[in-house]
Amino acid sequence: MAKADYLIKFDADGNSGETHDAAFMSETDIAKYKEQGFIEVSTADYMNLLGNNADNQPYIRQNDGTYIPKPPYVPTPEEAQAAKLSALDNEYAAKLDENKSSIIVAATVDQDEEYADQLRQERQALQAEYVQKRSEL
């Protein structure tokens, strides 16, 4: 049997984890790592695992020992929900900050209380709209 180039421990999903260069290890050391669940991997397969290939695509190891391109990450429903809430929070934070600045300018710099009151009403409408949209998510 040819000497292993690398010894890699894979997780349940086939992602490579702890890796050791086996080029200068003795057969005894290699056997000890294999007893701990490490798998012998060639340099070519190691490069594919890292994504050092023509497609720049990382690979994973299947249970049968073959290597396939790593599938794209699919967020959980909770992660997708959190991302939507975060985007909405950021959108309305910017709108409310802009409105707040406009109110301050209208009330203090321009001393236009009528316009400042109009902006305050817009702010209340924005806040209500934000609460409504957030409850829909």
Protein backbone atom coordinates (compact mmCIF):
# COMPACT_ATOMS: atom_id res chain seq x y z
CA MET A 1 0.00 0.00 0.00
CA ALA A 2 1.26 3.48 -0.87
CA LYS A 3 2.07 5.78 2.01
CA ALA A 4 -0.69 8.28 2.85
CA ASP A 5 -0.15 11.95 2.07
CA TYR A 6 -2.60 13.25 4.67
CA LEU A 7 -4.65 11.90 7.56
CA ILE A 8 -7.99 13.66 8.02
CA LYS A 9 -10.83 13.25 10.48
CA PHE A 10 -14.23 13.95 8.89
CA ASP A 11 -17.43 15.01 10.66
CA ALA A 12 -20.81 13.34 10.14
CA ASP A 13 -21.55 15.63 7.16
CA GLY A 14 -18.28 14.75 5.43
CA ASN A 15 -16.52 18.05 6.15
CA SER A 16 -12.81 17.75 6.74
CA GLY A 17 -11.63 18.53 10.23
CA GLU A 18 -8.37 17.86 12.01
CA THR A 19 -5.69 17.21 9.39
CA HIS A 20 -2.14 15.90 9.65
CA ASP A 21 0.60 15.71 7.04
CA ALA A 22 1.53 12.02 6.96
CA ALA A 23 4.52 12.36 4.63
CA PHE A 24 7.08 12.01 7.42
CA MET A 25 5.09 9.75 9.76
CA SER A 26 6.02 6.16 10.42
CA GLU A 27 3.59 3.37 9.56
CA THR A 28 3.07 2.93 13.32
CA ASP A 29 2.06 6.58 13.76
CA ILE A 30 -0.26 6.37 10.76
CA ALA A 31 -1.90 3.26 12.23
CA LYS A 32 -2.45 5.07 15.56
CA TYR A 33 -4.22 7.96 13.80
CA LYS A 34 -6.35 5.55 11.78
CA GLU A 35 -7.43 3.87 15.05
CA GLN A 36 -8.68 7.31 16.16
CA GLY A 37 -10.90 7.62 13.06
CA PHE A 38 -8.56 9.43 10.70
CA ILE A 39 -8.77 8.58 6.99
CA GLU A 40 -5.86 8.41 4.56
CA VAL A 41 -6.22 11.03 1.83
CA SER A 42 -4.14 11.60 -1.30
CA THR A 43 -2.80 15.05 -2.19
CA ALA A 44 -5.20 15.28 -5.16
CA ASP A 45 -8.22 14.54 -2.94
CA TYR A 46 -6.92 16.91 -0.26
CA MET A 47 -6.71 19.71 -2.84
CA ASN A 48 -10.32 19.02 -3.87
CA LEU A 49 -11.42 19.10 -0.23
CA LEU A 50 -9.90 22.57 0.07
CA GLY A 51 -11.44 23.78 -3.19
CA ASN A 52 -8.09 23.95 -4.99
CA ASN A 53 -9.52 22.70 -8.28
CA ALA A 54 -10.64 24.10 -11.63
CA ASP A 55 -14.08 24.96 -10.24
CA ASN A 56 -12.81 26.45 -6.95
CA GLN A 57 -15.40 24.19 -5.31
CA PRO A 58 -14.72 22.60 -1.91
CA TYR A 59 -15.55 18.91 -1.66
CA ILE A 60 -16.89 16.68 1.12
CA ARG A 61 -16.42 12.97 1.76
CA GLN A 62 -19.41 10.66 1.48
CA ASN A 63 -19.89 7.60 3.67
CA ASP A 64 -18.83 5.34 0.80
CA GLY A 65 -15.46 7.11 0.62
CA THR A 66 -16.12 9.11 -2.55
CA TYR A 67 -15.78 12.87 -2.75
CA ILE A 68 -18.46 15.20 -4.09
CA PRO A 69 -18.77 18.99 -4.38
CA LYS A 70 -20.03 20.46 -1.12
CA PRO A 71 -23.69 21.45 -1.52
CA PRO A 72 -24.58 25.10 -0.87
CA TYR A 73 -25.66 26.00 2.64
CA VAL A 74 -29.43 26.15 3.13
CA PRO A 75 -30.45 28.30 6.11
CA THR A 76 -32.89 26.89 8.62
CA PRO A 77 -36.36 28.49 8.82
CA GLU A 78 -35.27 30.18 12.07
CA GLU A 79 -32.18 31.65 10.40
CA ALA A 80 -34.22 32.87 7.43
CA GLN A 81 -36.73 34.46 9.84
CA ALA A 82 -33.95 36.15 11.80
CA ALA A 83 -32.43 37.52 8.58
CA LYS A 84 -35.77 38.98 7.49
CA LEU A 85 -36.33 40.57 10.91
CA SER A 86 -32.82 42.01 10.90
CA ALA A 87 -33.28 43.51 7.43
CA LEU A 88 -36.60 45.05 8.49
CA ASP A 89 -35.07 46.40 11.72
CA ASN A 90 -32.20 47.98 9.78
CA GLU A 91 -34.54 49.48 7.17
CA TYR A 92 -36.80 51.13 9.75
CA ALA A 93 -33.93 52.21 12.00
CA ALA A 94 -32.57 54.24 9.09
CA LYS A 95 -35.99 55.70 8.25
CA LEU A 96 -36.71 56.60 11.89
CA ASP A 97 -33.26 58.16 12.36
CA GLU A 98 -33.73 60.30 9.26
CA ASN A 99 -37.16 61.36 10.48
CA LYS A 100 -35.78 62.17 13.94
CA SER A 101 -33.06 64.36 12.42
CA SER A 102 -35.65 66.17 10.31
CA ILE A 103 -37.79 66.82 13.39
CA ILE A 104 -34.81 68.25 15.29
CA VAL A 105 -33.87 70.53 12.39
CA ALA A 106 -37.47 71.69 11.91
CA ALA A 107 -38.02 72.38 15.61
CA THR A 108 -34.68 73.91 16.58
CA VAL A 109 -32.94 75.26 13.51
CA ASP A 110 -35.91 76.28 11.38
CA GLN A 111 -38.17 76.88 14.40
CA ASP A 112 -41.09 75.61 12.34
CA GLU A 113 -43.31 73.82 14.86
CA GLU A 114 -46.04 73.18 12.31
CA TYR A 115 -43.63 71.25 10.07
CA ALA A 116 -42.09 69.53 13.11
CA ASP A 117 -45.58 68.36 14.16
CA GLN A 118 -46.18 67.04 10.65
CA LEU A 119 -42.88 65.11 10.87
CA ARG A 120 -43.86 63.77 14.30
CA GLN A 121 -47.09 62.42 12.80
CA GLU A 122 -45.06 60.81 10.00
CA ARG A 123 -42.85 59.25 12.67
CA GLN A 124 -45.85 57.76 14.46
CA ALA A 125 -47.11 56.36 11.15
CA LEU A 126 -43.64 54.91 10.43
CA GLN A 127 -43.53 53.30 13.85
CA ALA A 128 -46.99 51.78 13.38
CA GLU A 129 -46.02 50.53 9.93
CA TYR A 130 -42.85 48.98 11.38
CA VAL A 131 -44.75 47.20 14.16
CA GLN A 132 -47.30 45.93 11.61
CA LYS A 133 -44.65 44.59 9.21
CA ARG A 134 -42.68 43.00 12.04
CA SER A 135 -45.79 41.21 13.35
CA GLU A 136 -46.40 39.82 9.83
CA LEU A 137 -43.00 38.11 9.78
